[in-house]
PDB file of N, CA and C in Angstrom:
ATOM      1  N   MET A   1      -4.793  -3.174   5.258  1.00  0.00           N
ATOM      2  CA  MET A   1      -5.138  -3.552   3.676  1.00  0.00           C
ATOM      3  C   MET A   1      -5.257  -2.172   2.790  1.00  0.00           C
ATOM      4  N   LYS A   2      -4.490  -2.096   1.821  1.00  0.00           N
ATOM      5  CA  LYS A   2      -4.599  -0.837   1.127  1.00  0.00           C
ATOM      6  C   LYS A   2      -6.021  -0.725   0.349  1.00  0.00           C
ATOM      7  N   TRP A   3      -6.534  -1.772  -0.028  1.00  0.00           N
ATOM      8  CA  TRP A   3      -7.793  -1.783  -0.771  1.00  0.00           C
ATOM      9  C   TRP A   3      -8.817  -1.195   0.065  1.00  0.00           C
ATOM     10  N   ALA A   4      -8.628  -1.267   1.494  1.00  0.00           N
ATOM     11  CA  ALA A   4      -9.769  -0.847   2.195  1.00  0.00           C
ATOM     12  C   ALA A   4      -9.579   0.797   2.204  1.00  0.00           C
ATOM     13  N   LEU A   5      -8.521   1.237   1.828  1.00  0.00           N
ATOM     14  CA  LEU A   5      -8.162   2.640   1.933  1.00  0.00           C
ATOM     15  C   LEU A   5      -8.472   3.231   0.426  1.00  0.00           C
ATOM     16  N   LEU A   6      -8.788   2.525  -0.453  1.00  0.00           N
ATOM     17  CA  LEU A   6      -8.970   2.751  -1.746  1.00  0.00           C
ATOM     18  C   LEU A   6      -9.965   4.089  -1.916  1.00  0.00           C
ATOM     19  N   ASP A   7     -10.595   4.369  -1.010  1.00  0.00           N
ATOM     20  CA  ASP A   7     -11.615   5.368  -0.871  1.00  0.00           C
ATOM     21  C   ASP A   7     -10.838   6.861  -0.971  1.00  0.00           C
ATOM     22  N   LEU A   8      -9.650   6.578  -0.256  1.00  0.00           N
ATOM     23  CA  LEU A   8      -8.730   7.919  -0.492  1.00  0.00           C
ATOM     24  C   LEU A   8      -7.919   8.011  -1.690  1.00  0.00           C
ATOM     25  N   PRO A   9      -7.738   9.169  -1.942  1.00  0.00           N
ATOM     26  CA  PRO A   9      -6.842   9.639  -3.301  1.00  0.00           C
ATOM     27  C   PRO A   9      -5.345   8.881  -3.267  1.00  0.00           C
ATOM     28  N   ILE A  10      -4.817   9.400  -1.989  1.00  0.00           N
ATOM     29  CA  ILE A  10      -3.461   8.875  -1.830  1.00  0.00           C
ATOM     30  C   ILE A  10      -3.394   7.430  -1.881  1.00  0.00           C
ATOM     31  N   SER A  11      -4.371   6.496  -1.324  1.00  0.00           N
ATOM     32  CA  SER A  11      -4.212   5.168  -1.486  1.00  0.00           C
ATOM     33  C   SER A  11      -4.142   4.528  -2.609  1.00  0.00           C
ATOM     34  N   ARG A  12      -5.256   5.290  -3.361  1.00  0.00           N
ATOM     35  CA  ARG A  12      -5.318   4.927  -4.824  1.00  0.00           C
ATOM     36  C   ARG A  12      -4.028   4.873  -5.519  1.00  0.00           C
ATOM     37  N   THR A  13      -3.004   5.983  -5.288  1.00  0.00           N
ATOM     38  CA  THR A  13      -1.837   6.004  -5.957  1.00  0.00           C
ATOM     39  C   THR A  13      -0.980   4.984  -5.457  1.00  0.00           C
ATOM     40  N   GLU A  14      -0.989   4.531  -4.227  1.00  0.00           N
ATOM     41  CA  GLU A  14      -0.305   3.479  -3.726  1.00  0.00           C
ATOM     42  C   GLU A  14      -0.386   2.303  -4.040  1.00  0.00           C
ATOM     43  N   ALA A  15      -1.763   2.022  -4.310  1.00  0.00           N
ATOM     44  CA  ALA A  15      -2.380   0.734  -5.060  1.00  0.00           C
ATOM     45  C   ALA A  15      -2.082   0.528  -6.503  1.00  0.00           C
ATOM     46  N   ALA A  16      -1.972   1.514  -6.969  1.00  0.00           N
ATOM     47  CA  ALA A  16      -1.513   1.568  -8.498  1.00  0.00           C
ATOM     48  C   ALA A  16      -0.161   1.030  -8.542  1.00  0.00           C
ATOM     49  N   SER A  17       0.537   1.573  -7.951  1.00  0.00           N
ATOM     50  CA  SER A  17       2.093   1.463  -7.761  1.00  0.00           C
ATOM     51  C   SER A  17       2.470  -0.075  -7.955  1.00  0.00           C
TER      52      SER A  17
END
């Protein structure tokens, strides 16, 4: 789950996509 990695800056970018 990307949401679980929201803590990371890179994941935040992917989630925003």
